[in-house]
PDB file of all heavy atoms in Angstrom:
ATOM      1  N   VAL A   1     -24.692 -22.890  69.765  1.00  0.00           N
ATOM      2  CA  VAL A   1     -24.355 -24.286  69.861  1.00  0.00           C
ATOM      3  C   VAL A   1     -24.759 -25.101  68.733  1.00  0.00           C
ATOM      4  O   VAL A   1     -24.040 -25.908  68.097  1.00  0.00           O
ATOM      5  CB  VAL A   1     -24.846 -24.879  71.122  1.00  0.00           C
ATOM      6  CG1 VAL A   1     -24.611 -26.470  71.312  1.00  0.00           C
ATOM      7  CG2 VAL A   1     -24.382 -24.249  72.411  1.00  0.00           C
ATOM      8  N   GLY A   2     -26.032 -24.849  68.299  1.00  0.00           N
ATOM      9  CA  GLY A   2     -26.644 -25.757  67.202  1.00  0.00           C
ATOM     10  C   GLY A   2     -25.857 -25.577  65.900  1.00  0.00           C
ATOM     11  O   GLY A   2     -25.844 -26.334  65.002  1.00  0.00           O
ATOM     12  N   GLU A   3     -25.309 -24.304  65.586  1.00  0.00           N
ATOM     13  CA  GLU A   3     -24.512 -24.094  64.369  1.00  0.00           C
ATOM     14  C   GLU A   3     -22.971 -24.475  64.347  1.00  0.00           C
ATOM     15  O   GLU A   3     -22.332 -24.551  63.404  1.00  0.00           O
ATOM     16  CB  GLU A   3     -24.665 -22.684  63.948  1.00  0.00           C
ATOM     17  CG  GLU A   3     -26.060 -22.273  63.757  1.00  0.00           C
ATOM     18  CD  GLU A   3     -26.167 -20.709  63.499  1.00  0.00           C
ATOM     19  OE1 GLU A   3     -25.078 -20.039  63.370  1.00  0.00           O
ATOM     20  OE2 GLU A   3     -27.367 -20.208  63.441  1.00  0.00           O
ATOM     21  N   ALA A   4     -22.578 -24.484  65.562  1.00  0.00           N
ATOM     22  CA  ALA A   4     -21.091 -24.527  65.755  1.00  0.00           C
ATOM     23  C   ALA A   4     -20.371 -25.712  64.999  1.00  0.00           C
ATOM     24  O   ALA A   4     -19.364 -25.590  64.432  1.00  0.00           O
ATOM     25  CB  ALA A   4     -20.730 -24.610  67.194  1.00  0.00           C
ATOM     26  N   GLU A   5     -20.957 -26.962  65.250  1.00  0.00           N
ATOM     27  CA  GLU A   5     -20.251 -28.142  64.748  1.00  0.00           C
ATOM     28  C   GLU A   5     -20.322 -28.097  63.303  1.00  0.00           C
ATOM     29  O   GLU A   5     -19.258 -28.421  62.626  1.00  0.00           O
ATOM     30  CB  GLU A   5     -20.917 -29.407  65.370  1.00  0.00           C
ATOM     31  CG  GLU A   5     -20.425 -29.721  66.781  1.00  0.00           C
ATOM     32  CD  GLU A   5     -21.034 -31.019  67.285  1.00  0.00           C
ATOM     33  OE1 GLU A   5     -21.313 -31.904  66.489  1.00  0.00           O
ATOM     34  OE2 GLU A   5     -20.955 -31.179  68.516  1.00  0.00           O
ATOM     35  N   ALA A   6     -21.393 -27.633  62.714  1.00  0.00           N
ATOM     36  CA  ALA A   6     -21.332 -27.635  61.141  1.00  0.00           C
ATOM     37  C   ALA A   6     -20.360 -26.693  60.672  1.00  0.00           C
ATOM     38  O   ALA A   6     -19.721 -26.893  59.643  1.00  0.00           O
ATOM     39  CB  ALA A   6     -22.825 -27.264  60.732  1.00  0.00           C
ATOM     40  N   ARG A   7     -20.338 -25.522  61.385  1.00  0.00           N
ATOM     41  CA  ARG A   7     -19.411 -24.483  60.836  1.00  0.00           C
ATOM     42  C   ARG A   7     -17.956 -24.898  61.036  1.00  0.00           C
ATOM     43  O   ARG A   7     -16.970 -24.671  60.168  1.00  0.00           O
ATOM     44  CB  ARG A   7     -19.557 -23.137  61.574  1.00  0.00           C
ATOM     45  CG  ARG A   7     -20.826 -22.407  61.274  1.00  0.00           C
ATOM     46  CD  ARG A   7     -20.988 -21.120  61.799  1.00  0.00           C
ATOM     47  NE  ARG A   7     -19.868 -20.137  61.469  1.00  0.00           N
ATOM     48  CZ  ARG A   7     -19.540 -19.071  62.093  1.00  0.00           C
ATOM     49  NH1 ARG A   7     -20.205 -18.648  63.091  1.00  0.00           N
ATOM     50  NH2 ARG A   7     -18.571 -18.455  61.715  1.00  0.00           N
ATOM     51  N   ALA A   8     -17.649 -25.673  62.095  1.00  0.00           N
ATOM     52  CA  ALA A   8     -16.345 -26.129  62.251  1.00  0.00           C
ATOM     53  C   ALA A   8     -15.907 -27.184  61.237  1.00  0.00           C
ATOM     54  O   ALA A   8     -14.775 -27.110  60.676  1.00  0.00           O
ATOM     55  CB  ALA A   8     -16.264 -26.763  63.790  1.00  0.00           C
ATOM     56  N   LYS A   9     -16.871 -28.079  60.851  1.00  0.00           N
ATOM     57  CA  LYS A   9     -16.600 -29.004  59.859  1.00  0.00           C
ATOM     58  C   LYS A   9     -16.327 -28.360  58.499  1.00  0.00           C
ATOM     59  O   LYS A   9     -15.426 -28.806  57.820  1.00  0.00           O
ATOM     60  CB  LYS A   9     -17.788 -30.075  59.665  1.00  0.00           C
ATOM     61  CG  LYS A   9     -17.730 -31.085  60.884  1.00  0.00           C
ATOM     62  CD  LYS A   9     -18.954 -32.065  60.580  1.00  0.00           C
ATOM     63  CE  LYS A   9     -18.987 -33.066  61.705  1.00  0.00           C
ATOM     64  NZ  LYS A   9     -20.110 -33.928  61.619  1.00  0.00           N
ATOM     65  N   ALA A  10     -17.148 -27.420  58.203  1.00  0.00           N
ATOM     66  CA  ALA A  10     -17.027 -26.637  56.848  1.00  0.00           C
ATOM     67  C   ALA A  10     -15.781 -25.907  56.836  1.00  0.00           C
ATOM     68  O   ALA A  10     -15.127 -25.852  55.739  1.00  0.00           O
ATOM     69  CB  ALA A  10     -18.274 -25.693  56.664  1.00  0.00           C
ATOM     70  N   SER A  11     -15.245 -25.333  57.970  1.00  0.00           N
ATOM     71  CA  SER A  11     -14.102 -24.498  57.975  1.00  0.00           C
ATOM     72  C   SER A  11     -12.896 -25.143  58.221  1.00  0.00           C
ATOM     73  O   SER A  11     -11.818 -24.800  57.899  1.00  0.00           O
ATOM     74  CB  SER A  11     -14.350 -23.339  58.877  1.00  0.00           C
ATOM     75  OG  SER A  11     -14.304 -23.770  60.298  1.00  0.00           O
ATOM     76  N   GLY A  12     -12.953 -26.271  58.900  1.00  0.00           N
ATOM     77  CA  GLY A  12     -11.736 -27.089  59.349  1.00  0.00           C
ATOM     78  C   GLY A  12     -11.173 -26.517  60.627  1.00  0.00           C
ATOM     79  O   GLY A  12     -10.077 -26.893  61.008  1.00  0.00           O
ATOM     80  N   LYS A  13     -11.824 -25.580  61.267  1.00  0.00           N
ATOM     81  CA  LYS A  13     -11.285 -24.901  62.438  1.00  0.00           C
ATOM     82  C   LYS A  13     -11.724 -25.755  63.667  1.00  0.00           C
ATOM     83  O   LYS A  13     -12.779 -26.384  63.666  1.00  0.00           O
ATOM     84  CB  LYS A  13     -11.756 -23.419  62.667  1.00  0.00           C
ATOM     85  CG  LYS A  13     -11.437 -22.470  61.478  1.00  0.00           C
ATOM     86  CD  LYS A  13     -12.040 -21.200  61.764  1.00  0.00           C
ATOM     87  CE  LYS A  13     -11.595 -20.160  60.690  1.00  0.00           C
ATOM     88  NZ  LYS A  13     -12.266 -18.784  61.013  1.00  0.00           N
ATOM     89  N   PRO A  14     -10.902 -25.731  64.603  1.00  0.00           N
ATOM     90  CA  PRO A  14     -11.450 -26.247  66.114  1.00  0.00           C
ATOM     91  C   PRO A  14     -12.486 -25.447  66.567  1.00  0.00           C
ATOM     92  O   PRO A  14     -12.586 -24.242  66.399  1.00  0.00           O
ATOM     93  CB  PRO A  14     -10.072 -26.408  66.797  1.00  0.00           C
ATOM     94  CG  PRO A  14      -9.210 -25.323  66.300  1.00  0.00           C
ATOM     95  CD  PRO A  14      -9.569 -25.149  64.795  1.00  0.00           C
ATOM     96  N   LEU A  15     -13.301 -26.102  67.515  1.00  0.00           N
ATOM     97  CA  LEU A  15     -14.286 -25.469  68.292  1.00  0.00           C
ATOM     98  C   LEU A  15     -13.581 -24.820  69.494  1.00  0.00           C
ATOM     99  O   LEU A  15     -12.756 -25.646  70.062  1.00  0.00           O
ATOM    100  CB  LEU A  15     -15.474 -26.316  68.661  1.00  0.00           C
ATOM    101  CG  LEU A  15     -16.382 -26.837  67.548  1.00  0.00           C
ATOM    102  CD1 LEU A  15     -17.191 -28.104  68.002  1.00  0.00           C
ATOM    103  CD2 LEU A  15     -17.401 -25.645  67.370  1.00  0.00           C
ATOM    104  N   LEU A  16     -14.110 -23.729  69.985  1.00  0.00           N
ATOM    105  CA  LEU A  16     -13.605 -23.256  71.247  1.00  0.00           C
ATOM    106  C   LEU A  16     -14.891 -23.029  72.075  1.00  0.00           C
ATOM    107  O   LEU A  16     -15.650 -22.210  71.708  1.00  0.00           O
ATOM    108  CB  LEU A  16     -12.940 -21.923  71.188  1.00  0.00           C
ATOM    109  CG  LEU A  16     -12.518 -21.257  72.403  1.00  0.00           C
ATOM    110  CD1 LEU A  16     -11.518 -22.101  73.400  1.00  0.00           C
ATOM    111  CD2 LEU A  16     -12.090 -19.867  72.263  1.00  0.00           C
ATOM    112  N   TYR A  17     -15.028 -23.840  73.156  1.00  0.00           N
ATOM    113  CA  TYR A  17     -16.161 -23.761  74.095  1.00  0.00           C
ATOM    114  C   TYR A  17     -15.698 -22.836  75.181  1.00  0.00           C
ATOM    115  O   TYR A  17     -14.578 -23.238  75.821  1.00  0.00           O
ATOM    116  CB  TYR A  17     -16.759 -25.022  74.549  1.00  0.00           C
ATOM    117  CG  TYR A  17     -17.401 -25.837  73.479  1.00  0.00           C
ATOM    118  CD1 TYR A  17     -16.864 -26.895  72.859  1.00  0.00           C
ATOM    119  CD2 TYR A  17     -18.693 -25.514  73.145  1.00  0.00           C
ATOM    120  CE1 TYR A  17     -17.629 -27.571  71.995  1.00  0.00           C
ATOM    121  CE2 TYR A  17     -19.431 -26.299  72.184  1.00  0.00           C
ATOM    122  CZ  TYR A  17     -18.840 -27.262  71.634  1.00  0.00           C
ATOM    123  OH  TYR A  17     -19.540 -28.044  70.591  1.00  0.00           O
ATOM    124  N   GLU A  18     -16.456 -21.865  75.709  1.00  0.00           N
ATOM    125  CA  GLU A  18     -16.157 -21.206  76.817  1.00  0.00           C
ATOM    126  C   GLU A  18     -17.246 -21.322  77.813  1.00  0.00           C
ATOM    127  O   GLU A  18     -18.408 -20.881  77.611  1.00  0.00           O
ATOM    128  CB  GLU A  18     -15.967 -19.578  76.563  1.00  0.00           C
ATOM    129  CG  GLU A  18     -15.435 -18.839  77.767  1.00  0.00           C
ATOM    130  CD  GLU A  18     -16.460 -17.824  78.301  1.00  0.00           C
ATOM    131  OE1 GLU A  18     -17.399 -17.610  77.575  1.00  0.00           O
ATOM    132  OE2 GLU A  18     -16.362 -17.324  79.405  1.00  0.00           O
ATOM    133  N   PHE A  19     -16.991 -22.057  78.851  1.00  0.00           N
ATOM    134  CA  PHE A  19     -18.032 -22.378  79.849  1.00  0.00           C
ATOM    135  C   PHE A  19     -17.847 -21.320  81.074  1.00  0.00           C
ATOM    136  O   PHE A  19     -16.895 -21.227  81.533  1.00  0.00           O
ATOM    137  CB  PHE A  19     -17.900 -23.735  80.342  1.00  0.00           C
ATOM    138  CG  PHE A  19     -18.210 -24.864  79.444  1.00  0.00           C
ATOM    139  CD1 PHE A  19     -17.226 -25.279  78.517  1.00  0.00           C
ATOM    140  CD2 PHE A  19     -19.524 -25.336  79.370  1.00  0.00           C
ATOM    141  CE1 PHE A  19     -17.544 -26.405  77.649  1.00  0.00           C
ATOM    142  CE2 PHE A  19     -19.755 -26.381  78.535  1.00  0.00           C
ATOM    143  CZ  PHE A  19     -18.803 -26.901  77.661  1.00  0.00           C
ATOM    144  N   SER A  20     -18.966 -20.547  81.170  1.00  0.00           N
ATOM    145  CA  SER A  20     -18.791 -19.492  82.232  1.00  0.00           C
ATOM    146  C   SER A  20     -20.268 -19.285  82.909  1.00  0.00           C
ATOM    147  O   SER A  20     -21.092 -20.016  82.484  1.00  0.00           O
ATOM    148  CB  SER A  20     -18.389 -18.179  81.545  1.00  0.00           C
ATOM    149  OG  SER A  20     -19.324 -17.702  80.587  1.00  0.00           O
ATOM    150  N   ALA A  21     -20.273 -18.415  83.795  1.00  0.00           N
ATOM    151  CA  ALA A  21     -21.536 -18.173  84.519  1.00  0.00           C
ATOM    152  C   ALA A  21     -21.593 -16.602  84.849  1.00  0.00           C
ATOM    153  O   ALA A  21     -20.529 -16.026  85.090  1.00  0.00           O
ATOM    154  CB  ALA A  21     -21.512 -18.922  85.757  1.00  0.00           C
ATOM    155  N   GLU A  22     -22.768 -16.141  84.889  1.00  0.00           N
ATOM    156  CA  GLU A  22     -22.970 -14.722  85.182  1.00  0.00           C
ATOM    157  C   GLU A  22     -22.510 -14.285  86.542  1.00  0.00           C
ATOM    158  O   GLU A  22     -22.080 -13.251  86.777  1.00  0.00           O
ATOM    159  CB  GLU A  22     -24.423 -14.311  85.058  1.00  0.00           C
ATOM    160  CG  GLU A  22     -25.033 -14.395  83.529  1.00  0.00           C
ATOM    161  CD  GLU A  22     -26.477 -13.906  83.501  1.00  0.00           C
ATOM    162  OE1 GLU A  22     -27.104 -13.891  84.584  1.00  0.00           O
ATOM    163  OE2 GLU A  22     -26.853 -13.730  82.298  1.00  0.00           O
ATOM    164  N   TRP A  23     -22.559 -15.328  87.479  1.00  0.00           N
ATOM    165  CA  TRP A  23     -22.275 -14.937  88.993  1.00  0.00           C
ATOM    166  C   TRP A  23     -20.794 -15.219  89.174  1.00  0.00           C
ATOM    167  O   TRP A  23     -20.264 -14.992  90.227  1.00  0.00           O
ATOM    168  CB  TRP A  23     -23.038 -15.735  89.779  1.00  0.00           C
ATOM    169  CG  TRP A  23     -23.164 -17.360  89.381  1.00  0.00           C
ATOM    170  CD1 TRP A  23     -24.324 -17.858  88.739  1.00  0.00           C
ATOM    171  CD2 TRP A  23     -22.300 -18.331  89.588  1.00  0.00           C
ATOM    172  NE1 TRP A  23     -23.986 -19.152  88.460  1.00  0.00           N
ATOM    173  CE2 TRP A  23     -22.714 -19.584  88.931  1.00  0.00           C
ATOM    174  CE3 TRP A  23     -21.011 -18.405  90.137  1.00  0.00           C
ATOM    175  CZ2 TRP A  23     -22.117 -20.630  89.000  1.00  0.00           C
ATOM    176  CZ3 TRP A  23     -20.310 -19.635  90.131  1.00  0.00           C
ATOM    177  CH2 TRP A  23     -20.904 -20.746  89.606  1.00  0.00           C
ATOM    178  N   CYS A  24     -19.949 -15.605  88.055  1.00  0.00           N
ATOM    179  CA  CYS A  24     -18.517 -15.930  88.294  1.00  0.00           C
ATOM    180  C   CYS A  24     -17.659 -14.796  88.179  1.00  0.00           C
ATOM    181  O   CYS A  24     -17.418 -14.259  87.108  1.00  0.00           O
ATOM    182  CB  CYS A  24     -18.244 -17.089  87.244  1.00  0.00           C
ATOM    183  SG  CYS A  24     -16.545 -17.454  87.017  1.00  0.00           S
ATOM    184  N   GLY A  25     -16.973 -14.534  89.265  1.00  0.00           N
ATOM    185  CA  GLY A  25     -16.119 -13.406  89.212  1.00  0.00           C
ATOM    186  C   GLY A  25     -14.872 -13.549  88.253  1.00  0.00           C
ATOM    187  O   GLY A  25     -14.484 -12.686  87.407  1.00  0.00           O
ATOM    188  N   PRO A  26     -14.106 -14.773  88.244  1.00  0.00           N
ATOM    189  CA  PRO A  26     -13.002 -14.887  87.306  1.00  0.00           C
ATOM    190  C   PRO A  26     -13.638 -14.776  85.938  1.00  0.00           C
ATOM    191  O   PRO A  26     -12.784 -14.489  85.081  1.00  0.00           O
ATOM    192  CB  PRO A  26     -12.560 -16.254  87.615  1.00  0.00           C
ATOM    193  CG  PRO A  26     -12.825 -16.475  89.214  1.00  0.00           C
ATOM    194  CD  PRO A  26     -14.173 -15.762  89.294  1.00  0.00           C
ATOM    195  N   CYS A  27     -14.816 -15.299  85.517  1.00  0.00           N
ATOM    196  CA  CYS A  27     -15.271 -15.304  84.241  1.00  0.00           C
ATOM    197  C   CYS A  27     -15.479 -13.741  83.834  1.00  0.00           C
ATOM    198  O   CYS A  27     -15.163 -13.468  82.679  1.00  0.00           O
ATOM    199  CB  CYS A  27     -16.659 -15.915  84.189  1.00  0.00           C
ATOM    200  SG  CYS A  27     -16.704 -17.590  84.571  1.00  0.00           S
ATOM    201  N   LYS A  28     -15.886 -12.913  84.705  1.00  0.00           N
ATOM    202  CA  LYS A  28     -15.990 -11.442  84.370  1.00  0.00           C
ATOM    203  C   LYS A  28     -14.559 -10.931  84.095  1.00  0.00           C
ATOM    204  O   LYS A  28     -14.548 -10.057  83.250  1.00  0.00           O
ATOM    205  CB  LYS A  28     -16.674 -10.746  85.343  1.00  0.00           C
ATOM    206  CG  LYS A  28     -18.178 -11.193  85.546  1.00  0.00           C
ATOM    207  CD  LYS A  28     -18.784 -10.425  86.761  1.00  0.00           C
ATOM    208  CE  LYS A  28     -20.276 -10.924  87.015  1.00  0.00           C
ATOM    209  NZ  LYS A  28     -20.868 -10.396  88.142  1.00  0.00           N
ATOM    210  N   ILE A  29     -13.625 -11.259  84.883  1.00  0.00           N
ATOM    211  CA  ILE A  29     -12.353 -10.769  84.715  1.00  0.00           C
ATOM    212  C   ILE A  29     -11.757 -11.190  83.279  1.00  0.00           C
ATOM    213  O   ILE A  29     -11.164 -10.504  82.462  1.00  0.00           O
ATOM    214  CB  ILE A  29     -11.370 -11.171  85.806  1.00  0.00           C
ATOM    215  CG1 ILE A  29     -11.821 -10.536  87.146  1.00  0.00           C
ATOM    216  CG2 ILE A  29      -9.990 -10.707  85.512  1.00  0.00           C
ATOM    217  CD1 ILE A  29     -11.117 -11.030  88.321  1.00  0.00           C
ATOM    218  N   MET A  30     -11.945 -12.585  82.894  1.00  0.00           N
ATOM    219  CA  MET A  30     -11.549 -13.124  81.770  1.00  0.00           C
ATOM    220  C   MET A  30     -12.324 -12.382  80.501  1.00  0.00           C
ATOM    221  O   MET A  30     -11.737 -11.998  79.511  1.00  0.00           O
ATOM    222  CB  MET A  30     -11.694 -14.536  81.642  1.00  0.00           C
ATOM    223  CG  MET A  30     -11.071 -15.134  80.261  1.00  0.00           C
ATOM    224  SD  MET A  30     -10.999 -17.075  80.345  1.00  0.00           S
ATOM    225  CE  MET A  30     -12.687 -17.531  80.464  1.00  0.00           C
ATOM    226  N   GLN A  31     -13.527 -12.049  80.702  1.00  0.00           N
ATOM    227  CA  GLN A  31     -14.297 -11.363  79.795  1.00  0.00           C
ATOM    228  C   GLN A  31     -13.619 -10.048  79.394  1.00  0.00           C
ATOM    229  O   GLN A  31     -13.504  -9.525  78.272  1.00  0.00           O
ATOM    230  CB  GLN A  31     -15.705 -11.116  80.220  1.00  0.00           C
ATOM    231  CG  GLN A  31     -16.578 -10.131  79.411  1.00  0.00           C
ATOM    232  CD  GLN A  31     -16.730 -10.463  77.973  1.00  0.00           C
ATOM    233  OE1 GLN A  31     -16.985 -11.718  77.693  1.00  0.00           O
ATOM    234  NE2 GLN A  31     -16.679  -9.595  76.975  1.00  0.00           N
ATOM    235  N   ARG A  32     -13.305  -9.260  80.554  1.00  0.00           N
ATOM    236  CA  ARG A  32     -12.644  -7.777  80.403  1.00  0.00           C
ATOM    237  C   ARG A  32     -11.337  -8.095  79.765  1.00  0.00           C
ATOM    238  O   ARG A  32     -10.956  -7.230  78.920  1.00  0.00           O
ATOM    239  CB  ARG A  32     -12.553  -7.369  81.701  1.00  0.00           C
ATOM    240  CG  ARG A  32     -13.071  -6.033  81.814  1.00  0.00           C
ATOM    241  CD  ARG A  32     -12.980  -5.340  83.172  1.00  0.00           C
ATOM    242  NE  ARG A  32     -12.162  -5.965  84.297  1.00  0.00           N
ATOM    243  CZ  ARG A  32     -12.710  -6.609  85.359  1.00  0.00           C
ATOM    244  NH1 ARG A  32     -14.034  -6.718  85.537  1.00  0.00           N
ATOM    245  NH2 ARG A  32     -11.875  -7.162  86.254  1.00  0.00           N
ATOM    246  N   GLU A  33     -10.484  -8.874  80.265  1.00  0.00           N
ATOM    247  CA  GLU A  33      -9.062  -8.996  79.789  1.00  0.00           C
ATOM    248  C   GLU A  33      -8.786  -9.902  78.594  1.00  0.00           C
ATOM    249  O   GLU A  33      -7.752  -9.627  77.838  1.00  0.00           O
ATOM    250  CB  GLU A  33      -8.223  -9.557  80.979  1.00  0.00           C
ATOM    251  CG  GLU A  33      -8.256  -8.753  82.196  1.00  0.00           C
ATOM    252  CD  GLU A  33      -7.396  -9.427  83.344  1.00  0.00           C
ATOM    253  OE1 GLU A  33      -6.903 -10.515  83.320  1.00  0.00           O
ATOM    254  OE2 GLU A  33      -7.320  -8.618  84.340  1.00  0.00           O
ATOM    255  N   VAL A  34      -9.663 -10.767  78.224  1.00  0.00           N
ATOM    256  CA  VAL A  34      -9.396 -11.584  76.953  1.00  0.00           C
ATOM    257  C   VAL A  34     -10.424 -11.312  75.813  1.00  0.00           C
ATOM    258  O   VAL A  34     -10.101 -10.957  74.696  1.00  0.00           O
ATOM    259  CB  VAL A  34      -9.388 -13.122  77.292  1.00  0.00           C
ATOM    260  CG1 VAL A  34      -9.218 -13.990  76.140  1.00  0.00           C
ATOM    261  CG2 VAL A  34      -8.268 -13.326  78.389  1.00  0.00           C
ATOM    262  N   PHE A  35     -11.650 -11.417  76.072  1.00  0.00           N
ATOM    263  CA  PHE A  35     -12.665 -11.362  75.025  1.00  0.00           C
ATOM    264  C   PHE A  35     -12.936  -9.924  74.644  1.00  0.00           C
ATOM    265  O   PHE A  35     -13.453  -9.762  73.552  1.00  0.00           O
ATOM    266  CB  PHE A  35     -13.981 -12.107  75.427  1.00  0.00           C
ATOM    267  CG  PHE A  35     -13.736 -13.554  75.854  1.00  0.00           C
ATOM    268  CD1 PHE A  35     -14.256 -14.074  77.032  1.00  0.00           C
ATOM    269  CD2 PHE A  35     -12.930 -14.308  75.111  1.00  0.00           C
ATOM    270  CE1 PHE A  35     -13.998 -15.447  77.425  1.00  0.00           C
ATOM    271  CE2 PHE A  35     -12.607 -15.715  75.373  1.00  0.00           C
ATOM    272  CZ  PHE A  35     -13.215 -16.155  76.455  1.00  0.00           C
ATOM    273  N   ALA A  36     -12.643  -9.080  75.455  1.00  0.00           N
ATOM    274  CA  ALA A  36     -12.793  -7.635  75.162  1.00  0.00           C
ATOM    275  C   ALA A  36     -11.543  -6.935  74.553  1.00  0.00           C
ATOM    276  O   ALA A  36     -11.517  -5.824  74.311  1.00  0.00           O
ATOM    277  CB  ALA A  36     -13.252  -6.743  76.399  1.00  0.00           C
ATOM    278  N   ASN A  37     -10.548  -7.697  74.558  1.00  0.00           N
ATOM    279  CA  ASN A  37      -9.109  -7.227  73.983  1.00  0.00           C
ATOM    280  C   ASN A  37      -9.228  -7.624  72.505  1.00  0.00           C
ATOM    281  O   ASN A  37      -9.455  -8.627  72.004  1.00  0.00           O
ATOM    282  CB  ASN A  37      -8.054  -8.067  74.696  1.00  0.00           C
ATOM    283  CG  ASN A  37      -6.678  -7.695  74.266  1.00  0.00           C
ATOM    284  OD1 ASN A  37      -6.373  -8.175  73.076  1.00  0.00           O
ATOM    285  ND2 ASN A  37      -6.039  -6.997  74.915  1.00  0.00           N
ATOM    286  N   ALA A  38      -8.799  -6.583  71.693  1.00  0.00           N
ATOM    287  CA  ALA A  38      -8.988  -6.709  70.326  1.00  0.00           C
ATOM    288  C   ALA A  38      -8.018  -7.651  69.714  1.00  0.00           C
ATOM    289  O   ALA A  38      -8.260  -8.428  68.737  1.00  0.00           O
ATOM    290  CB  ALA A  38      -8.653  -5.231  69.618  1.00  0.00           C
ATOM    291  N   LYS A  39      -6.806  -7.795  70.257  1.00  0.00           N
ATOM    292  CA  LYS A  39      -5.760  -8.698  69.705  1.00  0.00           C
ATOM    293  C   LYS A  39      -6.214 -10.186  69.974  1.00  0.00           C
ATOM    294  O   LYS A  39      -6.146 -11.010  69.104  1.00  0.00           O
ATOM    295  CB  LYS A  39      -4.371  -8.392  70.317  1.00  0.00           C
ATOM    296  CG  LYS A  39      -3.317  -9.138  69.656  1.00  0.00           C
ATOM    297  CD  LYS A  39      -1.983  -8.682  70.226  1.00  0.00           C
ATOM    298  CE  LYS A  39      -0.820  -9.398  69.480  1.00  0.00           C
ATOM    299  NZ  LYS A  39       0.415  -9.055  69.995  1.00  0.00           N
TER     300      LYS A  39
END
């Protein structure tokens, strides 16, 4: 979090925040299907 805004300003890219929880079932599925997917 502390570095994100500075990196976004320097790169001109938008920030993407992913709010999740360890106990959240849909979060785990999204992890498997989106964040673990190479593309």
